[in-house]
């Protein structure tokens, strides 16, 4: 269940899943997830199989793309928090 939620969140970072749908933390597979995963695989030249297996090429590529985004967002949050304290 948590894997589906994590996949939805990751795809939302890349623009392949509606961010407003991630707030519900719904562990179900929905049409947006199916289309988002398919679109991500197509856009990044991956096997277009509709699956994201742990340690597989889709998960690996997603992580490569979103990790820098997450780190930048965390740094920005830390900077904003520093200014808010001053």
C-alpha atoms as a PDB file:
ATOM      1  CA  UNK A   1       0.000   0.000   0.000  1.00  0.00           C
ATOM      2  CA  UNK A   2       2.720   2.463   0.951  1.00  0.00           C
ATOM      3  CA  UNK A   3       4.497   1.640  -2.311  1.00  0.00           C
ATOM      4  CA  UNK A   4       1.512   2.871  -4.329  1.00  0.00           C
ATOM      5  CA  UNK A   5       1.325   6.085  -2.303  1.00  0.00           C
ATOM      6  CA  UNK A   6       5.077   6.614  -2.720  1.00  0.00           C
ATOM      7  CA  UNK A   7       4.797   6.010  -6.468  1.00  0.00           C
ATOM      8  CA  UNK A   8       1.973   8.542  -6.753  1.00  0.00           C
ATOM      9  CA  UNK A   9       4.040  11.104  -4.843  1.00  0.00           C
ATOM     10  CA  UNK A  10       7.123  10.459  -6.979  1.00  0.00           C
ATOM     11  CA  UNK A  11       5.156  10.775 -10.199  1.00  0.00           C
ATOM     12  CA  UNK A  12       3.632  14.021  -8.971  1.00  0.00           C
ATOM     13  CA  UNK A  13       7.154  15.467  -8.588  1.00  0.00           C
ATOM     14  CA  UNK A  14       7.762  14.757 -12.277  1.00  0.00           C
ATOM     15  CA  UNK A  15       4.389  16.102 -13.376  1.00  0.00           C
ATOM     16  CA  UNK A  16       2.959  12.685 -14.196  1.00  0.00           C
ATOM     17  CA  UNK A  17       0.361  12.497 -11.408  1.00  0.00           C
ATOM     18  CA  UNK A  18      -1.990  15.238 -10.163  1.00  0.00           C
ATOM     19  CA  UNK A  19      -0.468  16.698  -6.956  1.00  0.00           C
ATOM     20  CA  UNK A  20      -3.894  17.355  -5.457  1.00  0.00           C
ATOM     21  CA  UNK A  21      -4.630  13.621  -5.641  1.00  0.00           C
ATOM     22  CA  UNK A  22      -1.558  12.780  -3.508  1.00  0.00           C
ATOM     23  CA  UNK A  23      -2.981  14.615  -0.491  1.00  0.00           C
ATOM     24  CA  UNK A  24      -5.616  11.900  -0.014  1.00  0.00           C
ATOM     25  CA  UNK A  25      -2.896   9.256   0.529  1.00  0.00           C
ATOM     26  CA  UNK A  26      -5.106   6.721  -1.256  1.00  0.00           C
ATOM     27  CA  UNK A  27      -3.247   3.407  -1.643  1.00  0.00           C
ATOM     28  CA  UNK A  28      -5.438   2.285  -4.513  1.00  0.00           C
ATOM     29  CA  UNK A  29      -4.366   2.076  -8.119  1.00  0.00           C
ATOM     30  CA  UNK A  30      -6.412   4.582 -10.114  1.00  0.00           C
ATOM     31  CA  UNK A  31      -6.617   5.700 -13.717  1.00  0.00           C
ATOM     32  CA  UNK A  32      -4.366   8.710 -13.049  1.00  0.00           C
ATOM     33  CA  UNK A  33      -1.657   6.404 -11.717  1.00  0.00           C
ATOM     34  CA  UNK A  34      -1.928   4.081 -14.692  1.00  0.00           C
ATOM     35  CA  UNK A  35      -1.704   6.973 -17.160  1.00  0.00           C
ATOM     36  CA  UNK A  36       1.001   8.728 -15.157  1.00  0.00           C
ATOM     37  CA  UNK A  37       3.227   5.673 -14.935  1.00  0.00           C
ATOM     38  CA  UNK A  38       2.744   4.949 -18.618  1.00  0.00           C
ATOM     39  CA  UNK A  39       3.548   8.553 -19.519  1.00  0.00           C
ATOM     40  CA  UNK A  40       6.653   8.610 -17.320  1.00  0.00           C
ATOM     41  CA  UNK A  41       7.973   5.418 -18.870  1.00  0.00           C
ATOM     42  CA  UNK A  42       7.301   6.757 -22.368  1.00  0.00           C
ATOM     43  CA  UNK A  43       8.819  10.187 -21.652  1.00  0.00           C
ATOM     44  CA  UNK A  44      12.048   8.705 -20.270  1.00  0.00           C
ATOM     45  CA  UNK A  45      12.499   5.893 -22.785  1.00  0.00           C
ATOM     46  CA  UNK A  46      11.867   3.090 -20.305  1.00  0.00           C
ATOM     47  CA  UNK A  47      10.192  -0.249 -20.897  1.00  0.00           C
ATOM     48  CA  UNK A  48       6.571   0.741 -21.387  1.00  0.00           C
ATOM     49  CA  UNK A  49       5.097  -2.067 -19.273  1.00  0.00           C
ATOM     50  CA  UNK A  50       3.012  -0.139 -16.730  1.00  0.00           C
ATOM     51  CA  UNK A  51       4.918  -1.563 -13.767  1.00  0.00           C
ATOM     52  CA  UNK A  52       7.273  -0.033 -11.245  1.00  0.00           C
ATOM     53  CA  UNK A  53       9.084  -2.830  -9.468  1.00  0.00           C
ATOM     54  CA  UNK A  54      11.279  -2.262  -6.405  1.00  0.00           C
ATOM     55  CA  UNK A  55      14.800  -1.716  -7.700  1.00  0.00           C
ATOM     56  CA  UNK A  56      13.586  -1.800 -11.301  1.00  0.00           C
ATOM     57  CA  UNK A  57      14.458   0.662 -14.027  1.00  0.00           C
ATOM     58  CA  UNK A  58      11.332   2.792 -13.506  1.00  0.00           C
ATOM     59  CA  UNK A  59      11.871   3.166  -9.760  1.00  0.00           C
ATOM     60  CA  UNK A  60      15.584   3.809 -10.271  1.00  0.00           C
ATOM     61  CA  UNK A  61      14.972   6.519 -12.876  1.00  0.00           C
ATOM     62  CA  UNK A  62      12.242   8.143 -10.769  1.00  0.00           C
ATOM     63  CA  UNK A  63      14.614   8.316  -7.821  1.00  0.00           C
ATOM     64  CA  UNK A  64      17.398   9.790  -9.960  1.00  0.00           C
ATOM     65  CA  UNK A  65      15.067  12.540 -11.115  1.00  0.00           C
ATOM     66  CA  UNK A  66      13.250  13.418  -7.902  1.00  0.00           C
ATOM     67  CA  UNK A  67      16.072  13.189  -5.341  1.00  0.00           C
ATOM     68  CA  UNK A  68      17.683  16.472  -6.469  1.00  0.00           C
ATOM     69  CA  UNK A  69      14.239  18.103  -6.501  1.00  0.00           C
ATOM     70  CA  UNK A  70      13.508  16.928  -2.963  1.00  0.00           C
ATOM     71  CA  UNK A  71      16.923  18.074  -1.750  1.00  0.00           C
ATOM     72  CA  UNK A  72      16.428  21.505  -3.335  1.00  0.00           C
ATOM     73  CA  UNK A  73      12.972  21.813  -1.764  1.00  0.00           C
ATOM     74  CA  UNK A  74      14.376  20.822   1.635  1.00  0.00           C
ATOM     75  CA  UNK A  75      17.160  23.401   1.317  1.00  0.00           C
ATOM     76  CA  UNK A  76      14.680  26.066   0.307  1.00  0.00           C
ATOM     77  CA  UNK A  77      12.531  25.170   3.311  1.00  0.00           C
ATOM     78  CA  UNK A  78      15.552  25.433   5.599  1.00  0.00           C
ATOM     79  CA  UNK A  79      16.446  28.820   4.126  1.00  0.00           C
ATOM     80  CA  UNK A  80      12.889  30.083   4.570  1.00  0.00           C
ATOM     81  CA  UNK A  81      12.817  28.807   8.144  1.00  0.00           C
ATOM     82  CA  UNK A  82      16.072  30.633   8.877  1.00  0.00           C
ATOM     83  CA  UNK A  83      14.652  33.906   7.570  1.00  0.00           C
ATOM     84  CA  UNK A  84      11.402  33.390   9.469  1.00  0.00           C
ATOM     85  CA  UNK A  85      13.378  33.022  12.718  1.00  0.00           C
ATOM     86  CA  UNK A  86      15.311  36.265  12.133  1.00  0.00           C
END
